[in-house]
mmCIF file of all heavy atoms, coordinates in Angstrom:
data_MODEL
# 
_entry.id   MODEL 
# 
loop_
_atom_site.group_PDB 
_atom_site.id 
_atom_site.type_symbol 
_atom_site.label_atom_id 
_atom_site.label_alt_id 
_atom_site.label_comp_id 
_atom_site.label_asym_id 
_atom_site.label_entity_id 
_atom_site.label_seq_id 
_atom_site.pdbx_PDB_ins_code 
_atom_site.Cartn_x 
_atom_site.Cartn_y 
_atom_site.Cartn_z 
_atom_site.occupancy 
_atom_site.B_iso_or_equiv 
_atom_site.pdbx_formal_charge 
_atom_site.auth_seq_id 
_atom_site.auth_comp_id 
_atom_site.auth_asym_id 
_atom_site.auth_atom_id 
_atom_site.pdbx_PDB_model_num 
ATOM 1   N N   . PHE A 1 1  ? 53.144 -64.280 16.189  1.00 0.00 ? 1  PHE A N   1 
ATOM 2   C CA  . PHE A 1 1  ? 54.480 -64.858 16.291  1.00 0.00 ? 1  PHE A CA  1 
ATOM 3   C C   . PHE A 1 1  ? 54.862 -65.584 15.007  1.00 0.00 ? 1  PHE A C   1 
ATOM 4   O O   . PHE A 1 1  ? 54.016 -66.003 14.225  1.00 0.00 ? 1  PHE A O   1 
ATOM 5   C CB  . PHE A 1 1  ? 54.544 -65.805 17.487  1.00 0.00 ? 1  PHE A CB  1 
ATOM 6   C CG  . PHE A 1 1  ? 54.100 -65.139 18.758  1.00 0.00 ? 1  PHE A CG  1 
ATOM 7   C CD1 . PHE A 1 1  ? 52.785 -65.232 19.166  1.00 0.00 ? 1  PHE A CD1 1 
ATOM 8   C CD2 . PHE A 1 1  ? 54.985 -64.359 19.490  1.00 0.00 ? 1  PHE A CD2 1 
ATOM 9   C CE1 . PHE A 1 1  ? 52.356 -64.574 20.324  1.00 0.00 ? 1  PHE A CE1 1 
ATOM 10  C CE2 . PHE A 1 1  ? 54.571 -63.702 20.630  1.00 0.00 ? 1  PHE A CE2 1 
ATOM 11  C CZ  . PHE A 1 1  ? 53.252 -63.809 21.057  1.00 0.00 ? 1  PHE A CZ  1 
ATOM 12  N N   . SER A 1 2  ? 56.175 -65.722 14.804  1.00 0.00 ? 2  SER A N   1 
ATOM 13  C CA  . SER A 1 2  ? 56.694 -66.436 13.652  1.00 0.00 ? 2  SER A CA  1 
ATOM 14  C C   . SER A 1 2  ? 57.931 -67.219 14.079  1.00 0.00 ? 2  SER A C   1 
ATOM 15  O O   . SER A 1 2  ? 58.332 -67.172 15.250  1.00 0.00 ? 2  SER A O   1 
ATOM 16  C CB  . SER A 1 2  ? 57.030 -65.452 12.522  1.00 0.00 ? 2  SER A CB  1 
ATOM 17  O OG  . SER A 1 2  ? 57.354 -66.150 11.342  1.00 0.00 ? 2  SER A OG  1 
ATOM 18  N N   . ILE A 1 3  ? 58.500 -67.938 13.138  1.00 0.00 ? 3  ILE A N   1 
ATOM 19  C CA  . ILE A 1 3  ? 59.722 -68.697 13.412  1.00 0.00 ? 3  ILE A CA  1 
ATOM 20  C C   . ILE A 1 3  ? 60.705 -68.463 12.268  1.00 0.00 ? 3  ILE A C   1 
ATOM 21  O O   . ILE A 1 3  ? 60.312 -68.074 11.166  1.00 0.00 ? 3  ILE A O   1 
ATOM 22  C CB  . ILE A 1 3  ? 59.427 -70.214 13.556  1.00 0.00 ? 3  ILE A CB  1 
ATOM 23  C CG1 . ILE A 1 3  ? 58.892 -70.797 12.233  1.00 0.00 ? 3  ILE A CG1 1 
ATOM 24  C CG2 . ILE A 1 3  ? 58.465 -70.473 14.702  1.00 0.00 ? 3  ILE A CG2 1 
ATOM 25  C CD1 . ILE A 1 3  ? 58.732 -72.317 12.238  1.00 0.00 ? 3  ILE A CD1 1 
ATOM 26  N N   . PRO A 1 4  ? 62.014 -68.685 12.506  1.00 0.00 ? 4  PRO A N   1 
ATOM 27  C CA  . PRO A 1 4  ? 62.978 -68.605 11.402  1.00 0.00 ? 4  PRO A CA  1 
ATOM 28  C C   . PRO A 1 4  ? 62.576 -69.576 10.303  1.00 0.00 ? 4  PRO A C   1 
ATOM 29  O O   . PRO A 1 4  ? 62.104 -70.687 10.585  1.00 0.00 ? 4  PRO A O   1 
ATOM 30  C CB  . PRO A 1 4  ? 64.297 -69.021 12.056  1.00 0.00 ? 4  PRO A CB  1 
ATOM 31  C CG  . PRO A 1 4  ? 64.102 -68.753 13.515  1.00 0.00 ? 4  PRO A CG  1 
ATOM 32  C CD  . PRO A 1 4  ? 62.655 -69.026 13.790  1.00 0.00 ? 4  PRO A CD  1 
ATOM 33  N N   . ALA A 1 5  ? 62.731 -69.165 9.056   1.00 0.00 ? 5  ALA A N   1 
ATOM 34  C CA  . ALA A 1 5  ? 62.298 -70.016 7.947   1.00 0.00 ? 5  ALA A CA  1 
ATOM 35  C C   . ALA A 1 5  ? 63.151 -69.743 6.712   1.00 0.00 ? 5  ALA A C   1 
ATOM 36  O O   . ALA A 1 5  ? 63.608 -68.624 6.491   1.00 0.00 ? 5  ALA A O   1 
ATOM 37  C CB  . ALA A 1 5  ? 60.820 -69.763 7.627   1.00 0.00 ? 5  ALA A CB  1 
ATOM 38  N N   . ALA A 1 6  ? 63.329 -70.782 5.921   1.00 0.00 ? 6  ALA A N   1 
ATOM 39  C CA  . ALA A 1 6  ? 64.080 -70.666 4.667   1.00 0.00 ? 6  ALA A CA  1 
ATOM 40  C C   . ALA A 1 6  ? 63.140 -70.265 3.537   1.00 0.00 ? 6  ALA A C   1 
ATOM 41  O O   . ALA A 1 6  ? 61.948 -70.567 3.566   1.00 0.00 ? 6  ALA A O   1 
ATOM 42  C CB  . ALA A 1 6  ? 64.734 -72.000 4.332   1.00 0.00 ? 6  ALA A CB  1 
ATOM 43  N N   . GLU A 1 7  ? 63.680 -69.555 2.536   1.00 0.00 ? 7  GLU A N   1 
ATOM 44  C CA  . GLU A 1 7  ? 62.958 -69.363 1.286   1.00 0.00 ? 7  GLU A CA  1 
ATOM 45  C C   . GLU A 1 7  ? 63.788 -70.007 0.183   1.00 0.00 ? 7  GLU A C   1 
ATOM 46  O O   . GLU A 1 7  ? 64.929 -70.431 0.404   1.00 0.00 ? 7  GLU A O   1 
ATOM 47  C CB  . GLU A 1 7  ? 62.719 -67.879 1.003   1.00 0.00 ? 7  GLU A CB  1 
ATOM 48  C CG  . GLU A 1 7  ? 63.961 -67.076 0.656   1.00 0.00 ? 7  GLU A CG  1 
ATOM 49  C CD  . GLU A 1 7  ? 63.616 -65.652 0.223   1.00 0.00 ? 7  GLU A CD  1 
ATOM 50  O OE1 . GLU A 1 7  ? 62.512 -65.178 0.546   1.00 0.00 ? 7  GLU A OE1 1 
ATOM 51  O OE2 . GLU A 1 7  ? 64.467 -65.015 -0.442  1.00 0.00 ? 7  GLU A OE2 1 
ATOM 52  N N   . HIS A 1 8  ? 63.212 -70.064 -1.011  1.00 0.00 ? 8  HIS A N   1 
ATOM 53  C CA  . HIS A 1 8  ? 63.928 -70.764 -2.078  1.00 0.00 ? 8  HIS A CA  1 
ATOM 54  C C   . HIS A 1 8  ? 65.304 -70.157 -2.361  1.00 0.00 ? 8  HIS A C   1 
ATOM 55  O O   . HIS A 1 8  ? 66.260 -70.881 -2.649  1.00 0.00 ? 8  HIS A O   1 
ATOM 56  C CB  . HIS A 1 8  ? 63.074 -70.792 -3.352  1.00 0.00 ? 8  HIS A CB  1 
ATOM 57  C CG  . HIS A 1 8  ? 61.925 -71.739 -3.259  1.00 0.00 ? 8  HIS A CG  1 
ATOM 58  N ND1 . HIS A 1 8  ? 60.623 -71.326 -3.141  1.00 0.00 ? 8  HIS A ND1 1 
ATOM 59  C CD2 . HIS A 1 8  ? 61.890 -73.101 -3.242  1.00 0.00 ? 8  HIS A CD2 1 
ATOM 60  C CE1 . HIS A 1 8  ? 59.829 -72.381 -3.072  1.00 0.00 ? 8  HIS A CE1 1 
ATOM 61  N NE2 . HIS A 1 8  ? 60.574 -73.474 -3.124  1.00 0.00 ? 8  HIS A NE2 1 
ATOM 62  N N   . SER A 1 9  ? 65.434 -68.829 -2.241  1.00 0.00 ? 9  SER A N   1 
ATOM 63  C CA  . SER A 1 9  ? 66.732 -68.212 -2.551  1.00 0.00 ? 9  SER A CA  1 
ATOM 64  C C   . SER A 1 9  ? 67.830 -68.691 -1.607  1.00 0.00 ? 9  SER A C   1 
ATOM 65  O O   . SER A 1 9  ? 68.987 -68.845 -2.020  1.00 0.00 ? 9  SER A O   1 
ATOM 66  C CB  . SER A 1 9  ? 66.629 -66.682 -2.499  1.00 0.00 ? 9  SER A CB  1 
ATOM 67  O OG  . SER A 1 9  ? 66.609 -66.206 -1.173  1.00 0.00 ? 9  SER A OG  1 
ATOM 68  N N   . THR A 1 10 ? 67.478 -68.928 -0.345  1.00 0.00 ? 10 THR A N   1 
ATOM 69  C CA  . THR A 1 10 ? 68.513 -69.353 0.619   1.00 0.00 ? 10 THR A CA  1 
ATOM 70  C C   . THR A 1 10 ? 68.892 -70.814 0.426   1.00 0.00 ? 10 THR A C   1 
ATOM 71  O O   . THR A 1 10 ? 69.912 -71.255 0.941   1.00 0.00 ? 10 THR A O   1 
ATOM 72  C CB  . THR A 1 10 ? 68.055 -69.114 2.074   1.00 0.00 ? 10 THR A CB  1 
ATOM 73  O OG1 . THR A 1 10 ? 66.966 -69.983 2.398   1.00 0.00 ? 10 THR A OG1 1 
ATOM 74  C CG2 . THR A 1 10 ? 67.636 -67.666 2.284   1.00 0.00 ? 10 THR A CG2 1 
ATOM 75  N N   . ILE A 1 11 ? 68.046 -71.551 -0.291  1.00 0.00 ? 11 ILE A N   1 
ATOM 76  C CA  . ILE A 1 11 ? 68.350 -72.955 -0.582  1.00 0.00 ? 11 ILE A CA  1 
ATOM 77  C C   . ILE A 1 11 ? 69.056 -73.090 -1.930  1.00 0.00 ? 11 ILE A C   1 
ATOM 78  O O   . ILE A 1 11 ? 70.120 -73.698 -2.044  1.00 0.00 ? 11 ILE A O   1 
ATOM 79  C CB  . ILE A 1 11 ? 67.064 -73.811 -0.570  1.00 0.00 ? 11 ILE A CB  1 
ATOM 80  C CG1 . ILE A 1 11 ? 66.346 -73.687 0.795   1.00 0.00 ? 11 ILE A CG1 1 
ATOM 81  C CG2 . ILE A 1 11 ? 67.383 -75.267 -0.899  1.00 0.00 ? 11 ILE A CG2 1 
ATOM 82  C CD1 . ILE A 1 11 ? 67.157 -74.121 1.994   1.00 0.00 ? 11 ILE A CD1 1 
ATOM 83  N N   . ILE A 1 12 ? 68.482 -72.492 -2.983  1.00 0.00 ? 12 ILE A N   1 
ATOM 84  C CA  . ILE A 1 12 ? 69.048 -72.708 -4.329  1.00 0.00 ? 12 ILE A CA  1 
ATOM 85  C C   . ILE A 1 12 ? 70.356 -71.954 -4.553  1.00 0.00 ? 12 ILE A C   1 
ATOM 86  O O   . ILE A 1 12 ? 71.104 -72.272 -5.472  1.00 0.00 ? 12 ILE A O   1 
ATOM 87  C CB  . ILE A 1 12 ? 68.022 -72.349 -5.430  1.00 0.00 ? 12 ILE A CB  1 
ATOM 88  C CG1 . ILE A 1 12 ? 67.673 -70.858 -5.410  1.00 0.00 ? 12 ILE A CG1 1 
ATOM 89  C CG2 . ILE A 1 12 ? 66.775 -73.206 -5.303  1.00 0.00 ? 12 ILE A CG2 1 
ATOM 90  C CD1 . ILE A 1 12 ? 66.765 -70.419 -6.558  1.00 0.00 ? 12 ILE A CD1 1 
ATOM 91  N N   . SER A 1 13 ? 70.655 -70.966 -3.687  1.00 0.00 ? 13 SER A N   1 
ATOM 92  C CA  . SER A 1 13 ? 71.934 -70.247 -3.823  1.00 0.00 ? 13 SER A CA  1 
ATOM 93  C C   . SER A 1 13 ? 73.126 -71.161 -3.553  1.00 0.00 ? 13 SER A C   1 
ATOM 94  O O   . SER A 1 13 ? 74.264 -70.821 -3.893  1.00 0.00 ? 13 SER A O   1 
ATOM 95  C CB  . SER A 1 13 ? 71.969 -69.039 -2.877  1.00 0.00 ? 13 SER A CB  1 
ATOM 96  O OG  . SER A 1 13 ? 71.805 -69.457 -1.535  1.00 0.00 ? 13 SER A OG  1 
ATOM 97  N N   . TRP A 1 14 ? 72.872 -72.326 -2.940  1.00 0.00 ? 14 TRP A N   1 
ATOM 98  C CA  . TRP A 1 14 ? 73.932 -73.302 -2.713  1.00 0.00 ? 14 TRP A CA  1 
ATOM 99  C C   . TRP A 1 14 ? 74.186 -74.164 -3.950  1.00 0.00 ? 14 TRP A C   1 
ATOM 100 O O   . TRP A 1 14 ? 75.205 -74.860 -4.029  1.00 0.00 ? 14 TRP A O   1 
ATOM 101 C CB  . TRP A 1 14 ? 73.560 -74.221 -1.544  1.00 0.00 ? 14 TRP A CB  1 
ATOM 102 C CG  . TRP A 1 14 ? 73.562 -73.549 -0.204  1.00 0.00 ? 14 TRP A CG  1 
ATOM 103 C CD1 . TRP A 1 14 ? 72.638 -72.672 0.279   1.00 0.00 ? 14 TRP A CD1 1 
ATOM 104 C CD2 . TRP A 1 14 ? 74.534 -73.688 0.815   1.00 0.00 ? 14 TRP A CD2 1 
ATOM 105 N NE1 . TRP A 1 14 ? 72.974 -72.258 1.537   1.00 0.00 ? 14 TRP A NE1 1 
ATOM 106 C CE2 . TRP A 1 14 ? 74.147 -72.868 1.908   1.00 0.00 ? 14 TRP A CE2 1 
ATOM 107 C CE3 . TRP A 1 14 ? 75.733 -74.423 0.931   1.00 0.00 ? 14 TRP A CE3 1 
ATOM 108 C CZ2 . TRP A 1 14 ? 74.882 -72.758 3.074   1.00 0.00 ? 14 TRP A CZ2 1 
ATOM 109 C CZ3 . TRP A 1 14 ? 76.466 -74.335 2.107   1.00 0.00 ? 14 TRP A CZ3 1 
ATOM 110 C CH2 . TRP A 1 14 ? 76.035 -73.496 3.165   1.00 0.00 ? 14 TRP A CH2 1 
ATOM 111 N N   . GLY A 1 15 ? 73.262 -74.142 -4.905  1.00 0.00 ? 15 GLY A N   1 
ATOM 112 C CA  . GLY A 1 15 ? 73.371 -75.013 -6.081  1.00 0.00 ? 15 GLY A CA  1 
ATOM 113 C C   . GLY A 1 15 ? 72.656 -76.333 -5.840  1.00 0.00 ? 15 GLY A C   1 
ATOM 114 O O   . GLY A 1 15 ? 72.506 -76.794 -4.706  1.00 0.00 ? 15 GLY A O   1 
ATOM 115 N N   . ARG A 1 16 ? 72.211 -76.944 -6.925  1.00 0.00 ? 16 ARG A N   1 
ATOM 116 C CA  . ARG A 1 16 ? 71.401 -78.163 -6.827  1.00 0.00 ? 16 ARG A CA  1 
ATOM 117 C C   . ARG A 1 16 ? 72.135 -79.306 -6.120  1.00 0.00 ? 16 ARG A C   1 
ATOM 118 O O   . ARG A 1 16 ? 71.546 -80.065 -5.357  1.00 0.00 ? 16 ARG A O   1 
ATOM 119 C CB  . ARG A 1 16 ? 70.967 -78.608 -8.224  1.00 0.00 ? 16 ARG A CB  1 
ATOM 120 C CG  . ARG A 1 16 ? 70.084 -79.835 -8.208  1.00 0.00 ? 16 ARG A CG  1 
ATOM 121 C CD  . ARG A 1 16 ? 69.375 -80.067 -9.515  1.00 0.00 ? 16 ARG A CD  1 
ATOM 122 N NE  . ARG A 1 16 ? 68.360 -81.105 -9.367  1.00 0.00 ? 16 ARG A NE  1 
ATOM 123 C CZ  . ARG A 1 16 ? 67.262 -81.174 -10.075 1.00 0.00 ? 16 ARG A CZ  1 
ATOM 124 N NH1 . ARG A 1 16 ? 67.011 -80.246 -10.994 1.00 0.00 ? 16 ARG A NH1 1 
ATOM 125 N NH2 . ARG A 1 16 ? 66.398 -82.150 -9.888  1.00 0.00 ? 16 ARG A NH2 1 
ATOM 126 N N   . SER A 1 17 ? 73.423 -79.414 -6.344  1.00 0.00 ? 17 SER A N   1 
ATOM 127 C CA  . SER A 1 17 ? 74.175 -80.543 -5.777  1.00 0.00 ? 17 SER A CA  1 
ATOM 128 C C   . SER A 1 17 ? 74.441 -80.385 -4.285  1.00 0.00 ? 17 SER A C   1 
ATOM 129 O O   . SER A 1 17 ? 74.908 -81.324 -3.638  1.00 0.00 ? 17 SER A O   1 
ATOM 130 C CB  . SER A 1 17 ? 75.506 -80.705 -6.520  1.00 0.00 ? 17 SER A CB  1 
ATOM 131 O OG  . SER A 1 17 ? 76.318 -79.547 -6.325  1.00 0.00 ? 17 SER A OG  1 
ATOM 132 N N   . ARG A 1 18 ? 74.165 -79.187 -3.750  1.00 0.00 ? 18 ARG A N   1 
ATOM 133 C CA  . ARG A 1 18 ? 74.471 -78.949 -2.339  1.00 0.00 ? 18 ARG A CA  1 
ATOM 134 C C   . ARG A 1 18 ? 73.213 -78.657 -1.508  1.00 0.00 ? 18 ARG A C   1 
ATOM 135 O O   . ARG A 1 18 ? 73.254 -77.953 -0.515  1.00 0.00 ? 18 ARG A O   1 
ATOM 136 C CB  . ARG A 1 18 ? 75.457 -77.781 -2.220  1.00 0.00 ? 18 ARG A CB  1 
ATOM 137 C CG  . ARG A 1 18 ? 76.776 -78.028 -2.954  1.00 0.00 ? 18 ARG A CG  1 
ATOM 138 C CD  . ARG A 1 18 ? 77.699 -76.827 -2.833  1.00 0.00 ? 18 ARG A CD  1 
ATOM 139 N NE  . ARG A 1 18 ? 78.200 -76.652 -1.494  1.00 0.00 ? 18 ARG A NE  1 
ATOM 140 C CZ  . ARG A 1 18 ? 78.649 -75.504 -0.984  1.00 0.00 ? 18 ARG A CZ  1 
ATOM 141 N NH1 . ARG A 1 18 ? 78.641 -74.409 -1.748  1.00 0.00 ? 18 ARG A NH1 1 
ATOM 142 N NH2 . ARG A 1 18 ? 79.098 -75.425 0.251   1.00 0.00 ? 18 ARG A NH2 1 
ATOM 143 N N   . GLU A 1 19 ? 72.098 -79.262 -1.897  1.00 0.00 ? 19 GLU A N   1 
ATOM 144 C CA  . GLU A 1 19 ? 70.848 -79.048 -1.149  1.00 0.00 ? 19 GLU A CA  1 
ATOM 145 C C   . GLU A 1 19 ? 70.989 -79.529 0.299   1.00 0.00 ? 19 GLU A C   1 
ATOM 146 O O   . GLU A 1 19 ? 70.508 -78.884 1.227   1.00 0.00 ? 19 GLU A O   1 
ATOM 147 C CB  . GLU A 1 19 ? 69.681 -79.758 -1.836  1.00 0.00 ? 19 GLU A CB  1 
ATOM 148 C CG  . GLU A 1 19 ? 68.318 -79.361 -1.248  1.00 0.00 ? 19 GLU A CG  1 
ATOM 149 C CD  . GLU A 1 19 ? 67.149 -79.977 -1.990  1.00 0.00 ? 19 GLU A CD  1 
ATOM 150 O OE1 . GLU A 1 19 ? 67.323 -81.044 -2.638  1.00 0.00 ? 19 GLU A OE1 1 
ATOM 151 O OE2 . GLU A 1 19 ? 66.042 -79.406 -1.924  1.00 0.00 ? 19 GLU A OE2 1 
ATOM 152 N N   . LYS A 1 20 ? 71.685 -80.642 0.486   1.00 0.00 ? 20 LYS A N   1 
ATOM 153 C CA  . LYS A 1 20 ? 71.902 -81.144 1.850   1.00 0.00 ? 20 LYS A CA  1 
ATOM 154 C C   . LYS A 1 20 ? 72.646 -80.107 2.691   1.00 0.00 ? 20 LYS A C   1 
ATOM 155 O O   . LYS A 1 20 ? 72.283 -79.845 3.847   1.00 0.00 ? 20 LYS A O   1 
ATOM 156 C CB  . LYS A 1 20 ? 72.712 -82.442 1.815   1.00 0.00 ? 20 LYS A CB  1 
ATOM 157 C CG  . LYS A 1 20 ? 73.208 -82.887 3.203   1.00 0.00 ? 20 LYS A CG  1 
ATOM 158 C CD  . LYS A 1 20 ? 74.165 -84.053 3.097   1.00 0.00 ? 20 LYS A CD  1 
ATOM 159 C CE  . LYS A 1 20 ? 74.853 -84.340 4.422   1.00 0.00 ? 20 LYS A CE  1 
ATOM 160 N NZ  . LYS A 1 20 ? 75.885 -83.320 4.758   1.00 0.00 ? 20 LYS A NZ  1 
ATOM 161 N N   . GLU A 1 21 ? 73.695 -79.494 2.120   1.00 0.00 ? 21 GLU A N   1 
ATOM 162 C CA  . GLU A 1 21 ? 74.454 -78.485 2.860   1.00 0.00 ? 21 GLU A CA  1 
ATOM 163 C C   . GLU A 1 21 ? 73.583 -77.265 3.186   1.00 0.00 ? 21 GLU A C   1 
ATOM 164 O O   . GLU A 1 21 ? 73.714 -76.674 4.264   1.00 0.00 ? 21 GLU A O   1 
ATOM 165 C CB  . GLU A 1 21 ? 75.679 -78.044 2.048   1.00 0.00 ? 21 GLU A CB  1 
ATOM 166 C CG  . GLU A 1 21 ? 76.804 -79.068 2.016   1.00 0.00 ? 21 GLU A CG  1 
ATOM 167 C CD  . GLU A 1 21 ? 76.635 -80.113 0.926   1.00 0.00 ? 21 GLU A CD  1 
ATOM 168 O OE1 . GLU A 1 21 ? 75.514 -80.227 0.384   1.00 0.00 ? 21 GLU A OE1 1 
ATOM 169 O OE2 . GLU A 1 21 ? 77.615 -80.827 0.626   1.00 0.00 ? 21 GLU A OE2 1 
ATOM 170 N N   . ALA A 1 22 ? 72.696 -76.931 2.261   1.00 0.00 ? 22 ALA A N   1 
ATOM 171 C CA  . ALA A 1 22 ? 71.788 -75.808 2.514   1.00 0.00 ? 22 ALA A CA  1 
ATOM 172 C C   . ALA A 1 22 ? 70.888 -76.105 3.703   1.00 0.00 ? 22 ALA A C   1 
ATOM 173 O O   . ALA A 1 22 ? 70.705 -75.260 4.597   1.00 0.00 ? 22 ALA A O   1 
ATOM 174 C CB  . ALA A 1 22 ? 70.950 -75.528 1.269   1.00 0.00 ? 22 ALA A CB  1 
ATOM 175 N N   . PHE A 1 23 ? 70.327 -77.313 3.724   1.00 0.00 ? 23 PHE A N   1 
ATOM 176 C CA  . PHE A 1 23 ? 69.457 -77.710 4.842   1.00 0.00 ? 23 PHE A CA  1 
ATOM 177 C C   . PHE A 1 23 ? 70.243 -77.733 6.148   1.00 0.00 ? 23 PHE A C   1 
ATOM 178 O O   . PHE A 1 23 ? 69.769 -77.262 7.192   1.00 0.00 ? 23 PHE A O   1 
ATOM 179 C CB  . PHE A 1 23 ? 68.874 -79.106 4.587   1.00 0.00 ? 23 PHE A CB  1 
ATOM 180 C CG  . PHE A 1 23 ? 67.844 -79.173 3.486   1.00 0.00 ? 23 PHE A CG  1 
ATOM 181 C CD1 . PHE A 1 23 ? 67.354 -80.411 3.056   1.00 0.00 ? 23 PHE A CD1 1 
ATOM 182 C CD2 . PHE A 1 23 ? 67.359 -78.027 2.878   1.00 0.00 ? 23 PHE A CD2 1 
ATOM 183 C CE1 . PHE A 1 23 ? 66.409 -80.500 2.054   1.00 0.00 ? 23 PHE A CE1 1 
ATOM 184 C CE2 . PHE A 1 23 ? 66.404 -78.104 1.860   1.00 0.00 ? 23 PHE A CE2 1 
ATOM 185 C CZ  . PHE A 1 23 ? 65.929 -79.336 1.453   1.00 0.00 ? 23 PHE A CZ  1 
ATOM 186 N N   . GLU A 1 24 ? 71.446 -78.276 6.074   1.00 0.00 ? 24 GLU A N   1 
ATOM 187 C CA  . GLU A 1 24 ? 72.261 -78.412 7.283   1.00 0.00 ? 24 GLU A CA  1 
ATOM 188 C C   . GLU A 1 24 ? 72.629 -77.045 7.848   1.00 0.00 ? 24 GLU A C   1 
ATOM 189 O O   . GLU A 1 24 ? 72.673 -76.852 9.069   1.00 0.00 ? 24 GLU A O   1 
ATOM 190 C CB  . GLU A 1 24 ? 73.524 -79.218 6.950   1.00 0.00 ? 24 GLU A CB  1 
ATOM 191 C CG  . GLU A 1 24 ? 74.229 -79.774 8.169   1.00 0.00 ? 24 GLU A CG  1 
ATOM 192 C CD  . GLU A 1 24 ? 75.210 -80.886 7.816   1.00 0.00 ? 24 GLU A CD  1 
ATOM 193 O OE1 . GLU A 1 24 ? 75.631 -80.975 6.641   1.00 0.00 ? 24 GLU A OE1 1 
ATOM 194 O OE2 . GLU A 1 24 ? 75.555 -81.652 8.727   1.00 0.00 ? 24 GLU A OE2 1 
# 
């Protein structure tokens, strides 16, 4: 089994200033 998970591309594609929005 596994769970949904983020990788760096799905986080950094928002840009450094929007890391909070990426997490949200």
